[in-house]
PDB file of N, CA and C in Angstrom:
ATOM      1  N   MET A   1      70.093  -9.882  -5.357  1.00  0.00           N
ATOM      2  CA  MET A   1      69.699 -10.249  -3.986  1.00  0.00           C
ATOM      3  C   MET A   1      70.555 -12.283  -3.866  1.00  0.00           C
ATOM      4  N   SER A   2      70.880 -12.710  -2.650  1.00  0.00           N
ATOM      5  CA  SER A   2      71.777 -13.810  -2.577  1.00  0.00           C
ATOM      6  C   SER A   2      71.068 -15.017  -2.313  1.00  0.00           C
ATOM      7  N   THR A   3      71.054 -16.487  -2.461  1.00  0.00           N
ATOM      8  CA  THR A   3      70.275 -17.181  -2.261  1.00  0.00           C
ATOM      9  C   THR A   3      70.708 -17.871  -1.199  1.00  0.00           C
ATOM     10  N   GLU A   4      70.302 -18.248   0.215  1.00  0.00           N
ATOM     11  CA  GLU A   4      70.661 -18.954   1.328  1.00  0.00           C
ATOM     12  C   GLU A   4      71.311 -20.382   1.218  1.00  0.00           C
ATOM     13  N   ILE A   5      72.420 -20.673   1.910  1.00  0.00           N
ATOM     14  CA  ILE A   5      72.420 -22.052   1.401  1.00  0.00           C
ATOM     15  C   ILE A   5      73.270 -22.181   3.017  1.00  0.00           C
ATOM     16  N   ARG A   6      73.018 -23.769   3.190  1.00  0.00           N
ATOM     17  CA  ARG A   6      73.599 -23.948   4.418  1.00  0.00           C
ATOM     18  C   ARG A   6      75.428 -24.422   4.388  1.00  0.00           C
ATOM     19  N   GLN A   7      75.958 -24.408   5.257  1.00  0.00           N
ATOM     20  CA  GLN A   7      77.669 -24.757   5.790  1.00  0.00           C
ATOM     21  C   GLN A   7      77.860 -26.307   4.775  1.00  0.00           C
ATOM     22  N   SER A   8      76.708 -27.022   5.101  1.00  0.00           N
ATOM     23  CA  SER A   8      76.767 -28.010   4.556  1.00  0.00           C
ATOM     24  C   SER A   8      76.656 -28.630   3.214  1.00  0.00           C
ATOM     25  N   GLU A   9      76.325 -27.473   2.602  1.00  0.00           N
ATOM     26  CA  GLU A   9      75.891 -27.422   1.097  1.00  0.00           C
ATOM     27  C   GLU A   9      76.900 -26.835   0.242  1.00  0.00           C
ATOM     28  N   LEU A  10      77.565 -25.893   1.233  1.00  0.00           N
ATOM     29  CA  LEU A  10      78.800 -25.429   0.707  1.00  0.00           C
ATOM     30  C   LEU A  10      79.852 -26.565   0.579  1.00  0.00           C
ATOM     31  N   ARG A  11      80.021 -27.340   1.273  1.00  0.00           N
ATOM     32  CA  ARG A  11      80.683 -28.118   1.381  1.00  0.00           C
ATOM     33  C   ARG A  11      80.780 -29.498   0.965  1.00  0.00           C
ATOM     34  N   ASN A  12      79.599 -29.926   0.408  1.00  0.00           N
ATOM     35  CA  ASN A  12      78.995 -31.014  -0.423  1.00  0.00           C
ATOM     36  C   ASN A  12      79.062 -30.756  -1.581  1.00  0.00           C
ATOM     37  N   ASP A  13      78.465 -29.278  -2.273  1.00  0.00           N
ATOM     38  CA  ASP A  13      78.228 -28.962  -3.208  1.00  0.00           C
ATOM     39  C   ASP A  13      79.038 -27.743  -3.811  1.00  0.00           C
ATOM     40  N   ASN A  14      80.564 -27.771  -3.202  1.00  0.00           N
ATOM     41  CA  ASN A  14      81.756 -27.139  -3.584  1.00  0.00           C
ATOM     42  C   ASN A  14      82.071 -26.444  -4.961  1.00  0.00           C
ATOM     43  N   ALA A  15      81.741 -27.468  -5.708  1.00  0.00           N
ATOM     44  CA  ALA A  15      82.200 -26.807  -7.211  1.00  0.00           C
ATOM     45  C   ALA A  15      80.822 -26.665  -7.994  1.00  0.00           C
ATOM     46  N   ALA A  16      80.018 -27.157  -7.831  1.00  0.00           N
ATOM     47  CA  ALA A  16      78.753 -26.374  -7.979  1.00  0.00           C
ATOM     48  C   ALA A  16      78.402 -25.418  -7.687  1.00  0.00           C
ATOM     49  N   ILE A  17      78.286 -25.058  -6.747  1.00  0.00           N
ATOM     50  CA  ILE A  17      78.493 -23.091  -6.386  1.00  0.00           C
ATOM     51  C   ILE A  17      79.099 -22.281  -6.455  1.00  0.00           C
ATOM     52  N   MET A  18      80.487 -22.703  -6.912  1.00  0.00           N
ATOM     53  CA  MET A  18      81.785 -22.117  -7.494  1.00  0.00           C
ATOM     54  C   MET A  18      81.218 -21.730  -8.758  1.00  0.00           C
ATOM     55  N   ARG A  19      80.815 -22.496  -9.795  1.00  0.00           N
ATOM     56  CA  ARG A  19      80.830 -22.585 -11.075  1.00  0.00           C
ATOM     57  C   ARG A  19      79.042 -21.370 -11.007  1.00  0.00           C
ATOM     58  N   ARG A  20      78.379 -21.854 -10.319  1.00  0.00           N
ATOM     59  CA  ARG A  20      77.053 -20.308 -10.412  1.00  0.00           C
ATOM     60  C   ARG A  20      77.812 -19.570  -9.963  1.00  0.00           C
ATOM     61  N   VAL A  21      78.564 -18.907  -8.904  1.00  0.00           N
ATOM     62  CA  VAL A  21      79.179 -17.973  -7.969  1.00  0.00           C
ATOM     63  C   VAL A  21      80.246 -17.617  -9.563  1.00  0.00           C
ATOM     64  N   ALA A  22      80.706 -17.960 -10.465  1.00  0.00           N
ATOM     65  CA  ALA A  22      81.576 -17.282 -11.084  1.00  0.00           C
ATOM     66  C   ALA A  22      80.768 -17.097 -12.270  1.00  0.00           C
ATOM     67  N   GLU A  23      79.514 -17.534 -12.286  1.00  0.00           N
ATOM     68  CA  GLU A  23      78.448 -17.038 -13.467  1.00  0.00           C
ATOM     69  C   GLU A  23      77.876 -15.721 -12.786  1.00  0.00           C
ATOM     70  N   GLY A  24      77.524 -15.119 -11.827  1.00  0.00           N
ATOM     71  CA  GLY A  24      77.282 -14.189 -10.957  1.00  0.00           C
ATOM     72  C   GLY A  24      76.413 -14.267 -10.014  1.00  0.00           C
ATOM     73  N   GLU A  25      76.158 -15.370  -9.549  1.00  0.00           N
ATOM     74  CA  GLU A  25      74.883 -15.840  -8.755  1.00  0.00           C
ATOM     75  C   GLU A  25      75.579 -15.170  -7.050  1.00  0.00           C
ATOM     76  N   ALA A  26      75.369 -14.946  -5.969  1.00  0.00           N
ATOM     77  CA  ALA A  26      75.799 -14.339  -4.673  1.00  0.00           C
ATOM     78  C   ALA A  26      75.064 -15.903  -3.758  1.00  0.00           C
ATOM     79  N   PHE A  27      75.704 -16.021  -2.483  1.00  0.00           N
ATOM     80  CA  PHE A  27      74.823 -17.172  -1.694  1.00  0.00           C
ATOM     81  C   PHE A  27      75.423 -16.291  -0.367  1.00  0.00           C
ATOM     82  N   THR A  28      74.733 -16.701   0.815  1.00  0.00           N
ATOM     83  CA  THR A  28      74.343 -16.216   1.754  1.00  0.00           C
ATOM     84  C   THR A  28      74.354 -17.916   2.553  1.00  0.00           C
ATOM     85  N   VAL A  29      75.582 -17.665   3.408  1.00  0.00           N
ATOM     86  CA  VAL A  29      76.328 -19.188   4.306  1.00  0.00           C
ATOM     87  C   VAL A  29      75.843 -19.111   5.089  1.00  0.00           C
ATOM     88  N   THR A  30      75.129 -20.272   6.035  1.00  0.00           N
ATOM     89  CA  THR A  30      74.195 -19.598   7.218  1.00  0.00           C
ATOM     90  C   THR A  30      74.770 -21.153   8.121  1.00  0.00           C
ATOM     91  N   VAL A  31      75.179 -20.977   9.461  1.00  0.00           N
ATOM     92  CA  VAL A  31      75.162 -21.841  10.218  1.00  0.00           C
ATOM     93  C   VAL A  31      73.909 -22.507  11.395  1.00  0.00           C
ATOM     94  N   ASN A  32      73.466 -23.026  11.508  1.00  0.00           N
ATOM     95  CA  ASN A  32      72.179 -23.261  12.334  1.00  0.00           C
ATOM     96  C   ASN A  32      71.352 -22.166  12.291  1.00  0.00           C
ATOM     97  N   GLY A  33      71.060 -21.757  11.061  1.00  0.00           N
ATOM     98  CA  GLY A  33      70.109 -21.230  10.494  1.00  0.00           C
ATOM     99  C   GLY A  33      70.399 -19.341  10.758  1.00  0.00           C
ATOM    100  N   ARG A  34      72.059 -18.888  11.066  1.00  0.00           N
ATOM    101  CA  ARG A  34      72.872 -18.103  11.242  1.00  0.00           C
ATOM    102  C   ARG A  34      73.478 -17.718  10.351  1.00  0.00           C
ATOM    103  N   PRO A  35      73.109 -16.391   9.526  1.00  0.00           N
ATOM    104  CA  PRO A  35      74.414 -15.984   8.295  1.00  0.00           C
ATOM    105  C   PRO A  35      75.495 -16.003   8.871  1.00  0.00           C
ATOM    106  N   VAL A  36      76.376 -16.680   8.433  1.00  0.00           N
ATOM    107  CA  VAL A  36      77.992 -16.316   8.867  1.00  0.00           C
ATOM    108  C   VAL A  36      79.232 -15.586   7.639  1.00  0.00           C
ATOM    109  N   ALA A  37      78.778 -16.131   6.549  1.00  0.00           N
ATOM    110  CA  ALA A  37      79.605 -15.538   5.188  1.00  0.00           C
ATOM    111  C   ALA A  37      78.795 -15.562   3.969  1.00  0.00           C
ATOM    112  N   ASP A  38      79.539 -14.232   3.268  1.00  0.00           N
ATOM    113  CA  ASP A  38      78.479 -14.054   1.718  1.00  0.00           C
ATOM    114  C   ASP A  38      79.410 -14.817   0.599  1.00  0.00           C
ATOM    115  N   VAL A  39      79.306 -15.396  -0.473  1.00  0.00           N
ATOM    116  CA  VAL A  39      80.242 -15.473  -1.204  1.00  0.00           C
ATOM    117  C   VAL A  39      79.826 -15.313  -2.506  1.00  0.00           C
ATOM    118  N   VAL A  40      80.055 -14.308  -3.008  1.00  0.00           N
ATOM    119  CA  VAL A  40      79.807 -13.446  -3.856  1.00  0.00           C
ATOM    120  C   VAL A  40      81.115 -13.506  -5.209  1.00  0.00           C
ATOM    121  N   PRO A  41      81.032 -13.321  -6.408  1.00  0.00           N
ATOM    122  CA  PRO A  41      82.155 -12.728  -7.508  1.00  0.00           C
ATOM    123  C   PRO A  41      82.454 -12.362  -7.215  1.00  0.00           C
ATOM    124  N   HIS A  42      83.819 -12.304  -7.656  1.00  0.00           N
ATOM    125  CA  HIS A  42      85.093 -11.145  -6.988  1.00  0.00           C
ATOM    126  C   HIS A  42      85.159 -10.234  -8.331  1.00  0.00           C
ATOM    127  N   GLN A  43      84.972  -9.301  -7.738  1.00  0.00           N
ATOM    128  CA  GLN A  43      85.256  -7.793  -8.167  1.00  0.00           C
ATOM    129  C   GLN A  43      86.309  -7.378  -8.847  1.00  0.00           C
ATOM    130  N   ARG A  44      86.911  -7.275  -9.889  1.00  0.00           N
ATOM    131  CA  ARG A  44      88.051  -7.137 -10.373  1.00  0.00           C
ATOM    132  C   ARG A  44      88.225  -5.428 -10.406  1.00  0.00           C
ATOM    133  N   ASP A  45      89.563  -4.851 -10.076  1.00  0.00           N
ATOM    134  CA  ASP A  45      89.449  -3.285  -9.863  1.00  0.00           C
ATOM    135  C   ASP A  45      90.133  -2.762 -11.267  1.00  0.00           C
ATOM    136  N   THR A  46      88.707  -1.954 -11.879  1.00  0.00           N
ATOM    137  CA  THR A  46      88.663  -1.841 -13.168  1.00  0.00           C
ATOM    138  C   THR A  46      89.132   0.086 -13.068  1.00  0.00           C
ATOM    139  N   LYS A  47      89.126   0.609 -11.618  1.00  0.00           N
ATOM    140  CA  LYS A  47      89.543   1.444 -11.857  1.00  0.00           C
ATOM    141  C   LYS A  47      90.607   2.193 -12.442  1.00  0.00           C
ATOM    142  N   ARG A  48      90.768   3.460 -13.158  1.00  0.00           N
ATOM    143  CA  ARG A  48      91.742   3.837 -13.670  1.00  0.00           C
ATOM    144  C   ARG A  48      92.396   4.840 -12.702  1.00  0.00           C
ATOM    145  N   ARG A  49      93.760   4.920 -12.682  1.00  0.00           N
ATOM    146  CA  ARG A  49      94.407   5.402 -11.864  1.00  0.00           C
ATOM    147  C   ARG A  49      94.733   6.973 -12.071  1.00  0.00           C
ATOM    148  N   PHE A  50      94.911   7.283 -13.375  1.00  0.00           N
ATOM    149  CA  PHE A  50      95.165   8.476 -14.254  1.00  0.00           C
ATOM    150  C   PHE A  50      94.509   8.806 -15.276  1.00  0.00           C
ATOM    151  N   ILE A  51      94.292   9.953 -15.561  1.00  0.00           N
ATOM    152  CA  ILE A  51      92.966  10.289 -16.638  1.00  0.00           C
ATOM    153  C   ILE A  51      94.018  11.563 -17.129  1.00  0.00           C
ATOM    154  N   PRO A  52      94.120  11.106 -18.667  1.00  0.00           N
ATOM    155  CA  PRO A  52      94.803  12.684 -19.384  1.00  0.00           C
ATOM    156  C   PRO A  52      93.576  13.350 -19.374  1.00  0.00           C
ATOM    157  N   VAL A  53      94.431  14.782 -19.130  1.00  0.00           N
ATOM    158  CA  VAL A  53      93.856  16.111 -19.076  1.00  0.00           C
ATOM    159  C   VAL A  53      93.163  16.297 -20.069  1.00  0.00           C
ATOM    160  N   ASP A  54      93.123  15.971 -21.304  1.00  0.00           N
ATOM    161  CA  ASP A  54      92.168  16.181 -22.514  1.00  0.00           C
ATOM    162  C   ASP A  54      90.805  15.419 -22.336  1.00  0.00           C
ATOM    163  N   GLU A  55      91.032  14.218 -21.386  1.00  0.00           N
ATOM    164  CA  GLU A  55      89.848  13.619 -21.484  1.00  0.00           C
ATOM    165  C   GLU A  55      88.806  14.056 -20.294  1.00  0.00           C
ATOM    166  N   ILE A  56      89.953  14.901 -19.508  1.00  0.00           N
ATOM    167  CA  ILE A  56      88.873  15.432 -18.112  1.00  0.00           C
ATOM    168  C   ILE A  56      88.204  16.586 -18.894  1.00  0.00           C
ATOM    169  N   ALA A  57      88.975  17.741 -19.795  1.00  0.00           N
ATOM    170  CA  ALA A  57      88.235  18.741 -19.848  1.00  0.00           C
ATOM    171  C   ALA A  57      87.203  18.200 -21.043  1.00  0.00           C
ATOM    172  N   GLN A  58      87.458  17.481 -21.886  1.00  0.00           N
ATOM    173  CA  GLN A  58      86.136  16.592 -22.226  1.00  0.00           C
ATOM    174  C   GLN A  58      84.676  16.489 -21.424  1.00  0.00           C
ATOM    175  N   LEU A  59      85.172  15.566 -20.039  1.00  0.00           N
ATOM    176  CA  LEU A  59      84.282  15.438 -19.237  1.00  0.00           C
ATOM    177  C   LEU A  59      83.522  16.707 -18.746  1.00  0.00           C
ATOM    178  N   LEU A  60      84.760  17.869 -17.910  1.00  0.00           N
ATOM    179  CA  LEU A  60      84.056  18.728 -17.817  1.00  0.00           C
ATOM    180  C   LEU A  60      83.484  19.762 -18.698  1.00  0.00           C
ATOM    181  N   GLY A  61      83.409  18.994 -19.856  1.00  0.00           N
ATOM    182  CA  GLY A  61      82.499  20.168 -21.093  1.00  0.00           C
ATOM    183  C   GLY A  61      83.535  21.390 -21.256  1.00  0.00           C
ATOM    184  N   ARG A  62      85.059  21.366 -20.993  1.00  0.00           N
ATOM    185  CA  ARG A  62      85.592  22.540 -21.054  1.00  0.00           C
ATOM    186  C   ARG A  62      86.673  22.063 -22.022  1.00  0.00           C
ATOM    187  N   GLU A  63      86.987  23.326 -22.910  1.00  0.00           N
ATOM    188  CA  GLU A  63      87.957  22.737 -23.588  1.00  0.00           C
ATOM    189  C   GLU A  63      89.241  24.479 -23.571  1.00  0.00           C
ATOM    190  N   ASP A  64      88.716  25.104 -22.596  1.00  0.00           N
ATOM    191  CA  ASP A  64      89.687  25.743 -22.117  1.00  0.00           C
ATOM    192  C   ASP A  64      91.243  25.665 -21.081  1.00  0.00           C
ATOM    193  N   LEU A  65      90.795  24.203 -21.263  1.00  0.00           N
ATOM    194  CA  LEU A  65      92.300  23.925 -19.815  1.00  0.00           C
ATOM    195  C   LEU A  65      93.631  23.936 -20.226  1.00  0.00           C
ATOM    196  N   ASP A  66      94.226  24.529 -19.509  1.00  0.00           N
ATOM    197  CA  ASP A  66      95.467  24.921 -20.289  1.00  0.00           C
ATOM    198  C   ASP A  66      96.231  23.886 -19.938  1.00  0.00           C
ATOM    199  N   ARG A  67      96.800  22.811 -20.601  1.00  0.00           N
ATOM    200  CA  ARG A  67      97.802  21.563 -20.139  1.00  0.00           C
ATOM    201  C   ARG A  67      99.327  21.570 -19.446  1.00  0.00           C
ATOM    202  N   ALA A  68      99.500  23.194 -19.532  1.00  0.00           N
ATOM    203  CA  ALA A  68     100.853  22.852 -19.187  1.00  0.00           C
ATOM    204  C   ALA A  68     100.969  23.508 -17.918  1.00  0.00           C
ATOM    205  N   ALA A  69      99.430  24.197 -17.515  1.00  0.00           N
ATOM    206  CA  ALA A  69      99.346  25.038 -16.196  1.00  0.00           C
ATOM    207  C   ALA A  69      98.821  23.319 -15.020  1.00  0.00           C
ATOM    208  N   TRP A  70      98.322  22.414 -16.106  1.00  0.00           N
ATOM    209  CA  TRP A  70      98.120  21.005 -15.495  1.00  0.00           C
ATOM    210  C   TRP A  70      98.957  20.353 -14.724  1.00  0.00           C
ATOM    211  N   ILE A  71      99.805  20.202 -15.625  1.00  0.00           N
ATOM    212  CA  ILE A  71     101.197  19.910 -15.211  1.00  0.00           C
ATOM    213  C   ILE A  71     102.017  20.620 -14.481  1.00  0.00           C
ATOM    214  N   ALA A  72     101.910  21.439 -14.673  1.00  0.00           N
ATOM    215  CA  ALA A  72     102.486  22.107 -13.059  1.00  0.00           C
ATOM    216  C   ALA A  72     101.873  21.995 -11.864  1.00  0.00           C
ATOM    217  N   ASP A  73     100.821  22.027 -11.819  1.00  0.00           N
ATOM    218  CA  ASP A  73     100.014  22.243 -10.654  1.00  0.00           C
ATOM    219  C   ASP A  73     100.084  20.599  -9.947  1.00  0.00           C
ATOM    220  N   VAL A  74     100.291  19.484 -10.937  1.00  0.00           N
ATOM    221  CA  VAL A  74     100.194  17.991 -10.690  1.00  0.00           C
ATOM    222  C   VAL A  74     101.800  17.942 -10.140  1.00  0.00           C
ATOM    223  N   GLU A  75     102.657  18.640 -10.849  1.00  0.00           N
ATOM    224  CA  GLU A  75     103.959  18.706 -10.060  1.00  0.00           C
ATOM    225  C   GLU A  75     104.456  18.940  -8.795  1.00  0.00           C
ATOM    226  N   SER A  76     103.808  20.613  -9.212  1.00  0.00           N
ATOM    227  CA  SER A  76     103.894  20.979  -7.728  1.00  0.00           C
ATOM    228  C   SER A  76     103.395  20.625  -6.274  1.00  0.00           C
ATOM    229  N   ALA A  77     102.432  19.461  -6.528  1.00  0.00           N
ATOM    230  CA  ALA A  77     101.252  19.000  -5.782  1.00  0.00           C
ATOM    231  C   ALA A  77     102.483  18.246  -4.328  1.00  0.00           C
ATOM    232  N   PRO A  78     102.012  18.346  -3.533  1.00  0.00           N
ATOM    233  CA  PRO A  78     102.777  17.576  -2.079  1.00  0.00           C
ATOM    234  C   PRO A  78     103.156  16.192  -1.870  1.00  0.00           C
ATOM    235  N   PHE A  79     103.390  15.389  -3.467  1.00  0.00           N
ATOM    236  CA  PHE A  79     102.883  13.885  -3.190  1.00  0.00           C
ATOM    237  C   PHE A  79     104.653  13.232  -2.907  1.00  0.00           C
ATOM    238  N   ALA A  80     104.426  12.555  -2.201  1.00  0.00           N
ATOM    239  CA  ALA A  80     105.689  11.616  -1.688  1.00  0.00           C
ATOM    240  C   ALA A  80     106.160  10.825  -2.789  1.00  0.00           C
ATOM    241  N   ASP A  81     107.699  11.119  -2.896  1.00  0.00           N
ATOM    242  CA  ASP A  81     108.459  10.899  -4.201  1.00  0.00           C
ATOM    243  C   ASP A  81     108.730   9.665  -3.807  1.00  0.00           C
ATOM    244  N   GLU A  82     109.348   9.146  -2.693  1.00  0.00           N
ATOM    245  CA  GLU A  82     109.762   8.234  -2.041  1.00  0.00           C
ATOM    246  C   GLU A  82     108.654   6.715  -1.285  1.00  0.00           C
ATOM    247  N   VAL A  83     108.655   5.969  -1.791  1.00  0.00           N
ATOM    248  CA  VAL A  83     107.819   4.462  -0.919  1.00  0.00           C
ATOM    249  C   VAL A  83     108.798   4.702   0.706  1.00  0.00           C
ATOM    250  N   GLU A  84     107.966   4.674   1.788  1.00  0.00           N
ATOM    251  CA  GLU A  84     108.498   4.127   3.039  1.00  0.00           C
ATOM    252  C   GLU A  84     108.264   3.094   3.507  1.00  0.00           C
ATOM    253  N   ASP A  85     109.000   2.074   3.744  1.00  0.00           N
ATOM    254  CA  ASP A  85     109.142   1.726   4.640  1.00  0.00           C
ATOM    255  C   ASP A  85     108.485   1.669   6.233  1.00  0.00           C
ATOM    256  N   PRO A  86     107.018   0.967   6.261  1.00  0.00           N
ATOM    257  CA  PRO A  86     106.596   1.329   7.545  1.00  0.00           C
ATOM    258  C   PRO A  86     107.282   0.610   8.614  1.00  0.00           C
ATOM    259  N   TRP A  87     107.713  -0.347   8.024  1.00  0.00           N
ATOM    260  CA  TRP A  87     108.400  -1.766   9.390  1.00  0.00           C
ATOM    261  C   TRP A  87     109.636  -1.144   9.365  1.00  0.00           C
ATOM    262  N   ALA A  88     110.566  -0.161   8.878  1.00  0.00           N
ATOM    263  CA  ALA A  88     111.781   0.580   9.252  1.00  0.00           C
ATOM    264  C   ALA A  88     111.862   1.444  10.278  1.00  0.00           C
ATOM    265  N   ARG A  89     110.878   1.453  10.924  1.00  0.00           N
ATOM    266  CA  ARG A  89     110.322   2.462  11.923  1.00  0.00           C
ATOM    267  C   ARG A  89     111.339   2.190  13.215  1.00  0.00           C
TER     268      ARG A  89
END
């Protein structure tokens, strides 16, 4: 749950509020009593892009996954190998 603060309070106490945000607190900023913004701690992208097949097998509770078949499936998938510049069109 976030603490509601006025825009003038954010302007006047910016450093103190940013310290509190860095510690995990969230704020809803209001103007004339109307909520206009949320100030929340930054969420870092901690998701992995690749999971090794051995770890997937362990997560699925299966030890019978064929590593070579897995690699062949991934290599045969229709992924674009080249990055296309959308502005070049």
